[in-house]
Protein backbone atom coordinates (compact mmCIF):
# COMPACT_ATOMS: atom_id res chain seq x y z
CA MET A 1 -1.13 9.65 13.07
CA ASN A 2 2.15 7.64 10.79
CA ILE A 3 0.76 4.56 10.46
CA ILE A 4 2.25 1.10 8.05
CA LEU A 5 0.02 -0.88 6.34
CA LEU A 6 1.59 -4.38 5.78
CA GLY A 7 0.44 -7.54 3.63
CA PRO A 8 1.18 -9.52 0.79
CA PRO A 9 -0.30 -8.65 -2.96
CA GLY A 10 -3.88 -8.71 -2.77
CA ALA A 11 -4.55 -8.36 0.94
CA GLY A 12 -6.36 -5.02 0.24
CA LYS A 13 -3.72 -2.12 1.53
CA GLY A 14 -5.04 0.04 -1.12
CA THR A 15 -7.89 -0.46 -0.52
CA GLN A 16 -8.07 0.03 3.51
CA ALA A 17 -5.67 3.07 2.42
CA ARG A 18 -7.88 4.87 0.45
CA HIS A 19 -10.49 4.81 3.08
CA LEU A 20 -8.71 6.39 5.39
CA VAL A 21 -7.58 8.80 2.77
CA GLU A 22 -11.77 9.43 2.97
CA SER A 23 -12.17 9.22 6.39
CA ARG A 24 -9.09 10.42 8.48
CA ASN A 25 -8.16 13.12 6.09
CA MET A 26 -4.52 10.96 5.76
CA ILE A 27 -2.09 10.83 3.01
CA GLN A 28 -1.52 7.44 1.53
CA LEU A 29 2.44 7.59 0.34
CA SER A 30 2.41 4.35 -1.98
CA THR A 31 6.18 3.98 -3.55
CA GLY A 32 4.54 3.20 -7.49
CA ASP A 33 2.53 7.00 -7.15
CA MET A 34 5.67 8.97 -5.66
CA LEU A 35 7.78 7.32 -8.69
CA ARG A 36 5.70 8.39 -11.19
CA GLU A 37 4.49 11.25 -9.50
CA ALA A 38 8.28 12.65 -9.28
CA LYS A 39 8.97 11.51 -13.03
CA ASP A 40 6.27 14.53 -14.33
CA SER A 41 7.44 16.88 -11.93
CA GLY A 42 10.12 17.84 -13.05
CA SER A 43 12.30 18.45 -10.33
CA GLU A 44 15.68 17.24 -9.53
CA MET A 45 14.88 14.28 -7.36
CA GLY A 46 11.98 14.03 -10.81
CA LYS A 47 15.15 13.74 -12.66
CA ILE A 48 17.15 11.49 -10.89
CA VAL A 49 14.02 9.02 -10.96
CA ALA A 50 12.93 9.95 -14.47
CA ASP A 51 16.76 8.91 -15.75
CA VAL A 52 16.74 5.85 -13.69
CA MET A 53 13.22 4.33 -15.21
CA ALA A 54 14.63 5.44 -18.26
CA ARG A 55 17.61 3.09 -18.14
CA GLY A 56 15.31 0.30 -16.37
CA ALA A 57 17.91 0.42 -13.40
CA LEU A 58 16.31 -0.41 -9.84
CA VAL A 59 15.06 2.54 -8.04
CA THR A 60 17.73 2.77 -4.90
CA ASP A 61 16.32 2.57 -1.38
CA GLU A 62 17.97 6.58 -1.22
CA ILE A 63 15.99 7.82 -3.82
CA VAL A 64 12.86 6.28 -2.91
CA ILE A 65 13.80 7.81 0.88
CA GLY A 66 14.41 10.96 -0.38
CA LEU A 67 11.11 10.55 -2.09
CA ILE A 68 9.08 10.71 1.24
CA ARG A 69 11.30 13.13 2.94
CA GLU A 70 10.09 15.47 0.49
CA LYS A 71 6.62 14.79 0.98
CA LEU A 72 7.37 14.53 5.16
CA GLU A 73 8.71 18.47 5.02
CA GLY A 74 5.57 19.28 2.45
CA ASP A 75 2.29 20.04 3.28
CA THR A 76 1.11 19.31 7.14
CA ASP A 77 -2.63 19.94 6.53
CA HIS A 78 -3.40 16.29 6.87
CA GLY A 79 -4.16 13.61 9.51
CA GLY A 80 -0.86 11.49 8.79
CA PHE A 81 0.76 9.14 5.99
CA ILE A 82 -0.09 6.30 5.46
CA PHE A 83 3.03 3.87 4.08
CA ASP A 84 1.89 1.61 1.81
CA GLY A 85 4.33 -0.72 -0.48
CA PHE A 86 7.33 0.65 1.83
CA PRO A 87 9.64 -0.45 3.52
CA ARG A 88 9.37 -4.41 1.85
CA THR A 89 12.77 -4.98 3.53
CA LEU A 90 14.70 -4.61 7.27
CA ALA A 91 17.06 -2.15 5.54
CA GLN A 92 14.67 -0.04 4.29
CA ALA A 93 12.92 -0.54 7.77
CA ASP A 94 15.90 0.96 9.61
CA ALA A 95 16.39 4.35 7.01
CA LEU A 96 12.39 4.58 7.35
CA GLY A 97 12.96 4.82 11.15
CA ALA A 98 15.59 7.05 11.02
CA LEU A 99 14.37 9.77 8.47
CA MET A 100 11.32 9.83 10.15
CA GLN A 101 12.85 10.62 13.53
CA ALA A 102 15.24 12.70 11.42
CA GLN A 103 12.33 15.08 10.88
CA GLY A 104 10.50 15.01 13.90
CA GLU A 105 7.95 12.57 12.82
CA THR A 106 6.99 9.45 14.83
CA LEU A 107 5.87 5.88 13.83
CA ASP A 108 2.77 5.15 15.77
CA ALA A 109 1.64 1.67 14.10
CA VAL A 110 1.86 -1.25 12.03
CA ILE A 111 -0.68 -2.56 10.91
CA GLU A 112 -0.43 -6.53 9.19
CA MET A 113 -3.26 -7.44 7.54
CA ARG A 114 -2.93 -11.28 7.99
CA VAL A 115 -4.25 -13.47 5.23
CA ASP A 116 -4.07 -17.74 4.61
CA ASP A 117 -2.89 -18.33 0.75
CA THR A 118 -5.41 -20.34 -0.75
CA ALA A 119 -8.07 -18.32 -0.08
CA LEU A 120 -5.87 -14.95 -1.23
CA VAL A 121 -4.96 -16.65 -4.26
CA ASP A 122 -8.81 -17.58 -5.41
CA ARG A 123 -10.34 -13.86 -4.15
CA ILE A 124 -7.39 -12.16 -6.54
CA THR A 125 -7.82 -14.58 -9.77
CA ALA A 126 -11.13 -13.03 -9.53
CA ARG A 127 -10.50 -9.35 -9.09
CA SER A 128 -11.47 -6.68 -11.15
CA THR A 129 -11.26 -3.07 -10.75
CA CYS A 130 -12.62 -0.05 -12.00
CA GLY A 131 -10.77 1.97 -14.01
CA SER A 132 -11.49 5.40 -12.96
CA CYS A 133 -11.48 5.76 -9.49
CA GLY A 134 -9.77 2.45 -8.38
CA GLU A 135 -12.58 0.48 -6.83
CA VAL A 136 -12.16 -3.34 -6.41
CA TYR A 137 -14.31 -6.12 -7.70
CA ASN A 138 -14.67 -9.95 -7.00
CA ASP A 139 -16.45 -11.90 -9.40
CA ASN A 140 -17.73 -14.07 -6.56
CA THR A 141 -18.19 -11.93 -3.21
CA LYS A 142 -19.08 -8.26 -5.25
CA PRO A 143 -19.17 -8.58 -8.41
CA ILE A 144 -19.28 -5.65 -11.32
CA PRO A 145 -23.18 -4.00 -11.10
CA SER A 146 -25.38 -6.14 -13.52
CA ASP A 147 -26.09 -2.74 -15.20
CA GLY A 148 -22.12 -2.63 -15.77
CA LYS A 149 -21.22 1.20 -13.66
CA CYS A 150 -19.05 0.96 -11.14
CA SER A 151 -20.92 1.26 -7.75
CA ASN A 152 -18.81 3.85 -6.33
CA CYS A 153 -18.11 6.36 -9.31
CA GLY A 154 -20.54 5.42 -12.25
CA GLY A 155 -17.20 4.60 -14.32
CA THR A 156 -18.34 1.61 -17.03
CA GLU A 157 -14.73 0.70 -17.82
CA PHE A 158 -13.37 -2.02 -15.52
CA LYS A 159 -9.68 -3.82 -16.02
CA ARG A 160 -7.95 -6.95 -14.37
CA ARG A 161 -4.46 -7.10 -13.68
CA GLU A 162 -2.30 -9.03 -16.45
CA ASP A 163 -0.14 -10.61 -13.38
CA ASP A 164 -3.15 -11.80 -11.21
CA ASN A 165 -3.42 -15.15 -12.27
CA GLU A 166 -1.91 -17.88 -10.26
CA GLU A 167 2.08 -18.70 -11.36
CA SER A 168 2.08 -14.95 -11.22
CA LEU A 169 0.91 -14.27 -8.04
CA LYS A 170 2.38 -17.34 -6.35
CA THR A 171 5.96 -15.46 -7.70
CA ARG A 172 4.73 -12.01 -6.23
CA LEU A 173 4.25 -14.15 -2.89
CA LEU A 174 7.04 -16.04 -2.74
CA ALA A 175 9.00 -12.44 -3.09
CA TYR A 176 7.25 -11.03 -0.37
CA TYR A 177 7.74 -13.80 2.14
CA LYS A 178 11.30 -13.56 1.46
CA GLN A 179 11.75 -9.62 1.49
CA THR A 180 9.52 -8.22 3.44
CA SER A 181 7.56 -11.01 5.89
CA PRO A 182 10.46 -10.02 8.28
CA LEU A 183 9.35 -6.92 9.07
CA VAL A 184 6.92 -8.46 10.85
CA GLY A 185 9.04 -10.14 13.72
CA TYR A 186 11.26 -6.93 12.96
CA TYR A 187 7.80 -4.33 14.52
CA TYR A 188 6.79 -6.93 17.11
CA ALA A 189 10.07 -6.66 18.53
CA LYS A 190 9.34 -2.71 19.02
CA ASP A 191 6.08 -3.72 19.93
CA MET A 192 4.24 -1.71 17.19
CA LEU A 193 3.01 -4.31 15.16
CA SER A 194 -1.51 -5.40 15.59
CA VAL A 195 -2.89 -7.97 13.19
CA VAL A 196 -5.80 -7.59 11.58
CA ASP A 197 -8.07 -10.33 9.44
CA GLY A 198 -7.24 -9.37 5.50
CA LEU A 199 -9.64 -11.28 4.36
CA ALA A 200 -12.58 -10.49 6.52
CA LYS A 201 -15.15 -8.15 4.75
CA ILE A 202 -13.98 -4.70 3.80
CA ASP A 203 -16.20 -3.29 6.41
CA GLU A 204 -14.91 -6.04 9.19
CA VAL A 205 -11.10 -4.57 8.01
CA ARG A 206 -12.04 -1.25 8.45
CA SER A 207 -13.26 -1.73 11.71
CA SER A 208 -10.79 -3.30 12.88
CA ILE A 209 -7.53 -0.86 11.92
CA ALA A 210 -10.21 1.93 13.19
CA LYS A 211 -9.60 -0.18 16.46
CA VAL A 212 -5.85 0.09 16.30
CA LEU A 213 -5.84 3.48 15.76
CA ASP A 214 -8.44 4.43 17.89
CA ALA A 215 -6.76 2.54 21.30
């Protein structure tokens, strides 16, 4: 099963993707992770990525599609792929669809994690993550344990993203709505879109996603 998780920054896509990796043996394809992995791999594609990043240039859609193609052609012993952070534009969505078809793969579900912007800003500006495993905490709803240890891995280092502030988040939201939100209509028109409440409790979001995937 191959799926796309859609939603603005901070909607919880990464948290839900990690759960799907653990519970369904899926592979999370995060654009940032793929680029970093390729850059350090020494492969031909990796050399191209390293050169682009060294020059501070933008990574083209063709490069990202090439990295995804490598993943699709790799190990098949898994429960499918989760596209997290890609596609971001209509052109990328078309390119991904063409690639999936060429590889004999299907896109089985597109799940929009819908949020209220004001509530999202409140949530993200209170967010911190475990520096070891990435477990997400929130000052208001899920504070760091009183013993200072991550409840997931026992790590003791926690961090906040520098851009997890109201001004930066609003800038990121604007970019999302300009570039990525048209994908909601795109996949709705293809009868592939399902919507879950991204601001519900983590377990409730997990349950909603599971209902979509098991339907």
